[in-house]
Amino acid sequence: MSITYSRHILSLIHYIVKKQRQRRNGIKVMFLNKWMLGLKKVEQKILRSSDKKNCPEHISAIIQSYLERLDYKYQNPDKIIGLSTEIKTLDNKLQGLRGGEIILLASRPCMGKTSFAMNLSYKVAQSFLKEDNMNMDNKCVLYFSSEAPSFTLCQLQRIIAEKITGTNWFDLHTYKYGSKSYEEFATVANIGKELGKLPLYICDDSDLSLDSIKNKIKKINGYSKIGFIVVDELLLFSFKNSSQPQLSYITLQGLKDIAQKLNVPILVLGRLSRNLERRSDKRPLLSDVDSAIKLSSYCDKILFLYRESYYLTMKYPEKKSNETKNHFDHRMKRWEKKYRKTENECEVIIAKNKQAFTGTVKIFCNMVDGIFDDLESSEDDIPF
């Protein structure tokens, strides 16, 4: 219960008691006076508990907390503090998604934001399932999507496809539009049952708002502890009589309060302005976030997704009228070589990271199946 709400209740009780005291006298007045004294003690306790939460923290306590984290890293060099993305090269820089953090994942359309977020949700839910079996923590992932339910189902079908084939990618449409045999259907059904055990809740709502998110969190908290929240996407929240920058600011501030109250990381997806398309280098910058929605100062981590292959498809070579065949073939070979090199690459640009490192990490991506993972080579980690 908030301190403001508590004060309102106590003020109302004070008012009722005062009115009752005006009407009565004698022994009843003495009883009401004792009741008033008890209410004042309750109010003082509420105020003291609130002051403890908001009081300044001494530097010695901050240093002690920092030393404890250092000691944990020394004792567990392979573990990270917080949630893992299950992509080692990315974890090395992020050093975990921590409770109370707002992580903004932004890009231009067609870069794979939703696929990346769904993959991350799936992997985190898997880790929660393993922890639940050992520790009985009963944690879950809560995914808010503004897309239609059919789109979310398509993302889950991609996950099923990955589990069926492992690293041998295949045509998803074979399973999307019907199995070719009973054996194939049985395989999909068995994997579906396994996925059904994951602590993953998906809310498909085209009219997202902070109030609806808080209400759904309360319902989930009744039977499961929330460990990770994804909001897809920020600019599609609905607020009446608000301009776009104000809308985003109010929404992010509210989400930050939720993250700190529940002590969970919240991944927020955002769409960048098309202004960056005017540059020769289409890689997003921190200024692209500020110019669009003024949010960089409210985020603990800011990640951008960038795929060179997407922009290469827009530059597919065409033979010019005065160009020789040999020259055109040479240009085509250079384009094909560059496209093959970047076809399954995605750059995760860590533009802001309060707890660890910034930089760019190249990871594997398969946009047909919506899969993101480590590249085989370890030389693809590029520092700023």
Protein backbone atom coordinates (compact mmCIF):
# COMPACT_ATOMS: atom_id res chain seq x y z
CA MET A 1 0.00 0.00 0.00
CA SER A 2 1.47 3.42 -0.93
CA ILE A 3 2.08 6.07 1.73
CA THR A 4 -0.26 8.51 -0.05
CA TYR A 5 -3.08 5.97 -0.06
CA SER A 6 -2.44 5.16 3.63
CA ARG A 7 -2.64 8.84 4.53
CA HIS A 8 -5.98 9.16 2.75
CA ILE A 9 -7.38 6.23 4.74
CA LEU A 10 -6.09 7.57 8.05
CA SER A 11 -7.42 11.05 7.31
CA LEU A 12 -10.84 9.58 6.60
CA ILE A 13 -10.81 7.60 9.88
CA HIS A 14 -9.70 10.74 11.77
CA TYR A 15 -12.63 12.62 10.28
CA ILE A 16 -15.14 9.89 11.28
CA VAL A 17 -13.75 9.71 14.82
CA LYS A 18 -13.87 13.48 15.20
CA LYS A 19 -17.53 13.55 14.18
CA GLN A 20 -18.34 10.72 16.57
CA ARG A 21 -16.53 12.48 19.41
CA GLN A 22 -18.59 15.61 18.88
CA ARG A 23 -21.80 13.59 19.42
CA ARG A 24 -20.77 11.58 22.44
CA ASN A 25 -19.29 12.23 25.88
CA GLY A 26 -18.19 10.43 29.03
CA ILE A 27 -16.74 6.91 28.79
CA LYS A 28 -17.31 6.67 25.03
CA VAL A 29 -15.18 9.79 24.51
CA MET A 30 -12.33 8.20 26.50
CA PHE A 31 -12.57 5.07 24.32
CA LEU A 32 -12.49 7.16 21.14
CA ASN A 33 -9.47 9.11 22.41
CA LYS A 34 -7.58 5.84 22.94
CA TRP A 35 -8.59 4.77 19.43
CA MET A 36 -7.28 8.07 18.03
CA LEU A 37 -3.97 7.55 19.87
CA GLY A 38 -3.67 4.06 18.38
CA LEU A 39 -4.33 5.42 14.87
CA LYS A 40 -1.60 8.03 15.30
CA LYS A 41 0.88 5.28 16.25
CA VAL A 42 -0.10 3.31 13.14
CA GLU A 43 0.42 6.41 11.00
CA GLN A 44 3.84 7.01 12.54
CA LYS A 45 4.87 3.40 11.77
CA ILE A 46 3.76 3.78 8.14
CA LEU A 47 5.69 7.05 7.82
CA ARG A 48 8.83 5.52 9.37
CA SER A 49 8.70 2.50 7.03
CA SER A 50 8.34 4.85 4.07
CA ASP A 51 11.24 7.03 5.25
CA LYS A 52 13.50 3.97 5.53
CA LYS A 53 12.84 3.08 1.88
CA ASN A 54 13.56 6.61 0.65
CA CYS A 55 16.36 7.62 3.02
CA PRO A 56 19.88 8.23 1.62
CA GLU A 57 22.23 5.25 1.70
CA HIS A 58 25.62 5.61 3.36
CA ILE A 59 28.63 5.14 1.07
CA SER A 60 29.91 2.23 3.20
CA ALA A 61 26.76 0.21 2.37
CA ILE A 62 27.19 0.98 -1.34
CA ILE A 63 30.86 -0.09 -1.24
CA GLN A 64 29.92 -3.28 0.65
CA SER A 65 27.32 -4.16 -1.99
CA TYR A 66 29.88 -3.53 -4.76
CA LEU A 67 32.52 -5.70 -3.05
CA GLU A 68 29.99 -8.51 -2.66
CA ARG A 69 29.33 -8.43 -6.40
CA LEU A 70 33.08 -8.48 -7.12
CA ASP A 71 33.52 -11.43 -4.76
CA TYR A 72 30.67 -13.30 -6.47
CA LYS A 73 32.32 -12.75 -9.88
CA TYR A 74 35.67 -13.93 -8.48
CA GLN A 75 34.10 -17.07 -6.99
CA ASN A 76 31.97 -17.70 -10.12
CA PRO A 77 33.92 -16.38 -13.13
CA ASP A 78 31.68 -18.16 -15.65
CA LYS A 79 28.41 -16.90 -14.16
CA ILE A 80 26.78 -13.53 -14.77
CA ILE A 81 24.74 -11.41 -12.37
CA GLY A 82 21.18 -11.40 -13.65
CA LEU A 83 19.53 -13.15 -16.59
CA SER A 84 21.53 -14.59 -19.46
CA THR A 85 20.72 -14.11 -23.17
CA GLU A 86 22.28 -17.56 -23.82
CA ILE A 87 24.47 -15.85 -26.46
CA LYS A 88 27.97 -15.94 -24.95
CA THR A 89 29.51 -13.09 -26.94
CA LEU A 90 26.57 -10.86 -26.01
CA ASP A 91 26.62 -11.91 -22.34
CA ASN A 92 30.33 -11.07 -22.14
CA LYS A 93 29.51 -7.42 -22.79
CA LEU A 94 26.08 -7.07 -21.19
CA GLN A 95 27.03 -8.99 -18.03
CA GLY A 96 23.43 -9.96 -17.44
CA LEU A 97 19.96 -8.40 -17.50
CA ARG A 98 19.47 -7.29 -13.90
CA GLY A 99 16.46 -6.69 -11.71
CA GLY A 100 15.04 -3.17 -11.84
CA GLU A 101 16.58 -2.43 -15.25
CA ILE A 102 14.89 -1.07 -18.36
CA ILE A 103 16.50 -2.47 -21.52
CA LEU A 104 15.49 -0.72 -24.74
CA LEU A 105 15.83 -2.82 -27.92
CA ALA A 106 15.35 -0.53 -30.91
CA SER A 107 15.82 -0.71 -34.67
CA ARG A 108 14.28 0.09 -38.00
CA PRO A 109 11.63 -2.35 -39.32
CA CYS A 110 12.71 -5.75 -40.70
CA MET A 111 15.77 -6.04 -38.44
CA GLY A 112 14.23 -8.84 -36.33
CA LYS A 113 13.31 -7.14 -33.03
CA THR A 114 10.30 -9.32 -32.26
CA SER A 115 12.06 -12.54 -33.29
CA PHE A 116 15.01 -11.61 -31.07
CA ALA A 117 12.72 -10.81 -28.13
CA MET A 118 10.72 -14.03 -28.55
CA ASN A 119 13.94 -16.06 -28.72
CA LEU A 120 15.20 -14.40 -25.56
CA SER A 121 11.87 -14.99 -23.78
CA TYR A 122 11.95 -18.65 -24.76
CA LYS A 123 15.52 -19.11 -23.49
CA VAL A 124 14.84 -17.29 -20.21
CA ALA A 125 11.68 -19.38 -19.69
CA GLN A 126 13.76 -22.52 -20.26
CA SER A 127 16.25 -21.40 -17.59
CA PHE A 128 13.38 -20.66 -15.17
CA LEU A 129 11.97 -24.15 -15.77
CA LYS A 130 15.33 -25.70 -14.83
CA GLU A 131 15.60 -23.49 -11.73
CA ASP A 132 12.03 -24.33 -10.69
CA ASN A 133 12.81 -28.04 -10.78
CA MET A 134 15.74 -27.46 -8.42
CA ASN A 135 14.70 -24.51 -6.23
CA MET A 136 10.91 -24.33 -6.60
CA ASP A 137 11.09 -20.57 -7.30
CA ASN A 138 8.18 -20.78 -9.75
CA LYS A 139 9.42 -17.85 -11.86
CA CYS A 140 7.86 -16.98 -15.21
CA VAL A 141 8.23 -14.73 -18.27
CA LEU A 142 5.46 -12.28 -19.15
CA TYR A 143 5.37 -11.18 -22.81
CA PHE A 144 3.13 -8.27 -23.83
CA SER A 145 2.57 -8.13 -27.59
CA SER A 146 0.64 -5.62 -29.66
CA GLU A 147 0.62 -8.05 -32.59
CA ALA A 148 -2.24 -10.37 -33.49
CA PRO A 149 -2.25 -13.81 -31.78
CA SER A 150 -1.53 -15.46 -35.15
CA PHE A 151 1.79 -13.60 -35.35
CA THR A 152 2.81 -14.81 -31.89
CA LEU A 153 1.85 -18.35 -32.94
CA CYS A 154 4.13 -18.00 -35.97
CA GLN A 155 7.04 -17.13 -33.63
CA LEU A 156 6.31 -20.23 -31.53
CA GLN A 157 6.19 -22.34 -34.70
CA ARG A 158 9.70 -21.15 -35.46
CA ILE A 159 10.84 -22.32 -32.04
CA ILE A 160 9.24 -25.72 -32.70
CA ALA A 161 11.05 -25.83 -36.04
CA GLU A 162 14.38 -25.18 -34.31
CA LYS A 163 13.78 -27.97 -31.78
CA ILE A 164 12.85 -30.44 -34.55
CA THR A 165 15.84 -29.78 -36.77
CA GLY A 166 18.54 -28.57 -34.38
CA THR A 167 21.09 -26.71 -36.47
CA ASN A 168 19.80 -28.03 -39.81
CA TRP A 169 17.40 -25.33 -40.89
CA PHE A 170 14.39 -26.31 -42.96
CA ASP A 171 11.35 -24.81 -44.68
CA LEU A 172 8.94 -23.83 -41.92
CA HIS A 173 5.96 -23.79 -44.29
CA THR A 174 6.06 -27.61 -44.42
CA TYR A 175 4.85 -27.68 -40.81
CA LYS A 176 2.92 -24.39 -40.84
CA TYR A 177 0.43 -25.59 -43.45
CA GLY A 178 0.20 -29.24 -42.43
CA SER A 179 2.44 -32.23 -41.79
CA LYS A 180 3.25 -34.66 -44.59
CA SER A 181 2.87 -37.74 -42.41
CA TYR A 182 1.57 -38.93 -39.05
CA GLU A 183 5.17 -39.27 -37.77
CA GLU A 184 5.82 -35.58 -38.51
CA PHE A 185 2.59 -34.56 -36.77
CA ALA A 186 3.47 -36.70 -33.75
CA THR A 187 6.90 -35.03 -33.56
CA VAL A 188 5.36 -31.55 -33.61
CA ALA A 189 2.70 -32.58 -31.04
CA ASN A 190 5.31 -33.97 -28.62
CA ILE A 191 7.43 -30.83 -28.87
CA GLY A 192 4.29 -28.74 -28.41
CA LYS A 193 3.61 -30.57 -25.14
CA GLU A 194 7.15 -29.83 -23.96
CA LEU A 195 6.79 -26.15 -24.86
CA GLY A 196 3.49 -26.11 -22.96
CA LYS A 197 5.42 -26.73 -19.74
CA LEU A 198 7.41 -23.50 -20.12
CA PRO A 199 6.59 -20.73 -17.60
CA LEU A 200 5.80 -18.29 -20.43
CA TYR A 201 2.67 -16.11 -20.51
CA ILE A 202 1.78 -14.15 -23.66
CA CYS A 203 -0.68 -11.26 -23.67
CA ASP A 204 -1.84 -10.21 -27.16
CA ASP A 205 -3.40 -6.78 -26.78
CA SER A 206 -3.63 -4.12 -29.50
CA ASP A 207 -4.59 -1.47 -26.90
CA LEU A 208 -1.76 -1.69 -24.37
CA SER A 209 -1.68 0.69 -21.43
CA LEU A 210 0.13 0.89 -18.11
CA ASP A 211 -3.07 0.13 -16.22
CA SER A 212 -3.73 -3.03 -18.24
CA ILE A 213 -0.13 -4.18 -17.71
CA LYS A 214 -0.37 -3.62 -13.94
CA ASN A 215 -3.68 -5.51 -13.78
CA LYS A 216 -2.27 -8.50 -15.67
CA ILE A 217 0.85 -8.50 -13.48
CA LYS A 218 -1.36 -8.69 -10.37
CA LYS A 219 -3.25 -11.66 -11.83
CA ILE A 220 -0.05 -13.53 -12.75
CA ASN A 221 1.56 -12.77 -9.37
CA GLY A 222 -1.30 -14.61 -7.74
CA TYR A 223 0.07 -18.01 -8.83
CA SER A 224 3.55 -17.38 -10.26
CA LYS A 225 6.51 -15.11 -9.55
CA ILE A 226 7.40 -12.89 -12.51
CA GLY A 227 11.12 -12.97 -13.38
CA PHE A 228 11.24 -11.22 -16.77
CA ILE A 229 8.89 -8.91 -18.70
CA VAL A 230 8.90 -8.04 -22.41
CA VAL A 231 6.86 -5.17 -23.87
CA ASP A 232 6.45 -5.13 -27.66
CA GLU A 233 6.40 -2.29 -28.48
CA LEU A 234 6.75 1.06 -26.71
CA LEU A 235 5.20 3.44 -29.23
CA LEU A 236 1.98 1.44 -29.48
CA PHE A 237 0.88 2.24 -25.94
CA SER A 238 -2.41 4.13 -25.77
CA PHE A 239 -2.73 7.37 -23.82
CA LYS A 240 -5.45 9.96 -24.31
CA ASN A 241 -4.55 13.60 -25.03
CA SER A 242 -0.79 12.93 -25.18
CA SER A 243 1.78 13.74 -27.81
CA GLN A 244 4.16 10.99 -28.92
CA PRO A 245 7.24 12.05 -26.87
CA GLN A 246 5.13 12.54 -23.73
CA LEU A 247 3.45 9.19 -24.32
CA SER A 248 6.78 7.40 -24.45
CA TYR A 249 8.17 9.24 -21.45
CA ILE A 250 5.16 8.52 -19.24
CA THR A 251 5.09 4.89 -20.33
CA LEU A 252 8.79 4.29 -19.67
CA GLN A 253 8.64 6.00 -16.30
CA GLY A 254 5.75 3.74 -15.31
CA LEU A 255 7.57 0.63 -16.54
CA LYS A 256 10.67 1.66 -14.57
CA ASP A 257 8.55 1.80 -11.40
CA ILE A 258 7.23 -1.71 -12.14
CA ALA A 259 10.76 -3.04 -12.77
CA GLN A 260 12.05 -1.66 -9.47
CA LYS A 261 9.02 -2.75 -7.47
CA LEU A 262 9.16 -6.34 -8.76
CA ASN A 263 12.99 -6.33 -9.03
CA VAL A 264 12.85 -7.75 -12.57
CA PRO A 265 14.40 -6.63 -15.87
CA ILE A 266 11.96 -5.28 -18.46
CA LEU A 267 12.83 -5.48 -22.16
CA VAL A 268 11.07 -2.75 -24.15
CA LEU A 269 10.99 -2.82 -27.94
CA GLY A 270 11.03 0.46 -29.85
CA ARG A 271 10.95 1.60 -33.46
CA LEU A 272 13.53 4.15 -34.61
CA SER A 273 12.81 7.15 -36.79
CA ARG A 274 13.34 6.84 -40.55
CA ASN A 275 15.73 9.81 -40.42
CA LEU A 276 18.69 7.43 -40.11
CA GLU A 277 17.85 6.06 -43.59
CA ARG A 278 19.20 9.31 -45.05
CA ARG A 279 22.73 8.50 -43.88
CA SER A 280 25.16 6.44 -45.93
CA ASP A 281 25.89 4.31 -42.82
CA LYS A 282 22.51 3.04 -41.63
CA ARG A 283 23.76 1.80 -38.25
CA PRO A 284 21.68 3.38 -35.45
CA LEU A 285 23.21 5.87 -33.04
CA LEU A 286 22.19 6.95 -29.54
CA SER A 287 21.11 10.30 -31.00
CA ASP A 288 18.52 8.45 -33.13
CA VAL A 289 16.72 7.44 -29.93
CA ASP A 290 16.80 10.97 -28.51
CA SER A 291 15.60 12.59 -31.72
CA ALA A 292 12.71 10.11 -31.89
CA ILE A 293 11.37 9.68 -28.37
CA LYS A 294 13.78 11.29 -25.84
CA LEU A 295 14.29 8.10 -23.87
CA SER A 296 18.02 7.44 -23.53
CA SER A 297 18.33 8.96 -20.06
CA TYR A 298 15.61 6.65 -18.67
CA CYS A 299 17.13 3.36 -19.89
CA ASP A 300 19.80 1.28 -18.16
CA LYS A 301 20.73 -0.53 -21.37
CA ILE A 302 20.10 0.45 -25.01
CA LEU A 303 20.58 -2.13 -27.75
CA PHE A 304 20.24 -1.67 -31.51
CA LEU A 305 19.82 -4.39 -34.14
CA TYR A 306 21.37 -3.89 -37.56
CA ARG A 307 21.52 -6.28 -40.55
CA GLU A 308 23.75 -5.28 -43.45
CA SER A 309 22.19 -7.93 -45.72
CA TYR A 310 18.80 -6.15 -45.57
CA TYR A 311 20.24 -2.98 -47.06
CA LEU A 312 22.31 -4.95 -49.58
CA THR A 313 19.12 -6.39 -51.08
CA MET A 314 18.07 -2.82 -51.88
CA LYS A 315 21.31 -2.37 -53.81
CA TYR A 316 20.96 -5.43 -56.03
CA PRO A 317 23.12 -4.73 -59.13
CA GLU A 318 21.36 -3.89 -62.39
CA LYS A 319 23.13 -3.67 -65.71
CA LYS A 320 23.58 -0.12 -66.97
CA SER A 321 22.96 0.75 -70.60
CA ASN A 322 26.59 1.69 -71.32
CA GLU A 323 28.17 -1.01 -69.13
CA THR A 324 30.13 -3.93 -70.54
CA LYS A 325 29.22 -7.49 -69.61
CA ASN A 326 32.59 -8.13 -67.92
CA HIS A 327 32.24 -5.04 -65.75
CA PHE A 328 28.70 -5.95 -64.75
CA ASP A 329 29.72 -9.56 -63.93
CA HIS A 330 32.52 -8.22 -61.75
CA ARG A 331 30.10 -5.97 -59.85
CA MET A 332 27.65 -8.84 -59.44
CA LYS A 333 30.32 -11.17 -58.02
CA ARG A 334 31.41 -8.54 -55.51
CA TRP A 335 27.80 -8.02 -54.41
CA GLU A 336 27.17 -11.77 -54.08
CA LYS A 337 30.35 -12.24 -52.05
CA LYS A 338 29.40 -9.46 -49.64
CA TYR A 339 25.81 -10.68 -49.37
CA ARG A 340 26.83 -14.29 -48.62
CA LYS A 341 29.18 -13.01 -45.92
CA THR A 342 26.48 -10.95 -44.16
CA GLU A 343 23.35 -13.01 -44.95
CA ASN A 344 23.33 -14.73 -41.56
CA GLU A 345 24.91 -11.93 -39.53
CA CYS A 346 23.23 -9.48 -37.20
CA GLU A 347 25.01 -6.71 -35.34
CA VAL A 348 23.85 -6.04 -31.78
CA ILE A 349 25.03 -2.51 -31.03
CA ILE A 350 25.25 -1.91 -27.27
CA ALA A 351 25.00 1.88 -27.25
CA LYS A 352 24.45 2.24 -23.49
CA ASN A 353 25.20 -0.11 -20.60
CA LYS A 354 25.38 1.30 -17.07
CA GLN A 355 26.65 -1.93 -15.48
CA ALA A 356 29.25 -3.16 -17.99
CA PHE A 357 30.59 -2.63 -21.51
CA THR A 358 29.43 -0.95 -24.69
CA GLY A 359 30.36 -2.02 -28.22
CA THR A 360 29.12 -4.08 -31.15
CA VAL A 361 28.69 -7.85 -31.15
CA LYS A 362 28.10 -9.84 -34.33
CA ILE A 363 25.80 -12.81 -33.85
CA PHE A 364 24.28 -15.48 -36.07
CA CYS A 365 20.75 -14.91 -37.34
CA ASN A 366 18.42 -16.90 -39.57
CA MET A 367 15.51 -14.65 -40.49
CA VAL A 368 13.54 -17.47 -42.14
CA ASP A 369 13.34 -19.41 -38.88
CA GLY A 370 13.81 -16.36 -36.62
CA ILE A 371 16.88 -17.83 -34.86
CA PHE A 372 19.63 -15.83 -33.11
CA ASP A 373 22.77 -17.46 -31.70
CA ASP A 374 26.57 -17.21 -31.41
CA LEU A 375 28.71 -17.10 -34.52
CA GLU A 376 31.25 -19.91 -34.83
CA SER A 377 34.16 -17.48 -34.92
CA SER A 378 35.15 -15.61 -31.77
CA GLU A 379 36.72 -12.77 -33.76
CA ASP A 380 33.41 -11.05 -34.42
CA ASP A 381 33.33 -9.06 -31.18
CA ILE A 382 34.08 -5.51 -32.24
CA PRO A 383 34.81 -2.88 -29.54
CA PHE A 384 33.94 0.78 -30.01
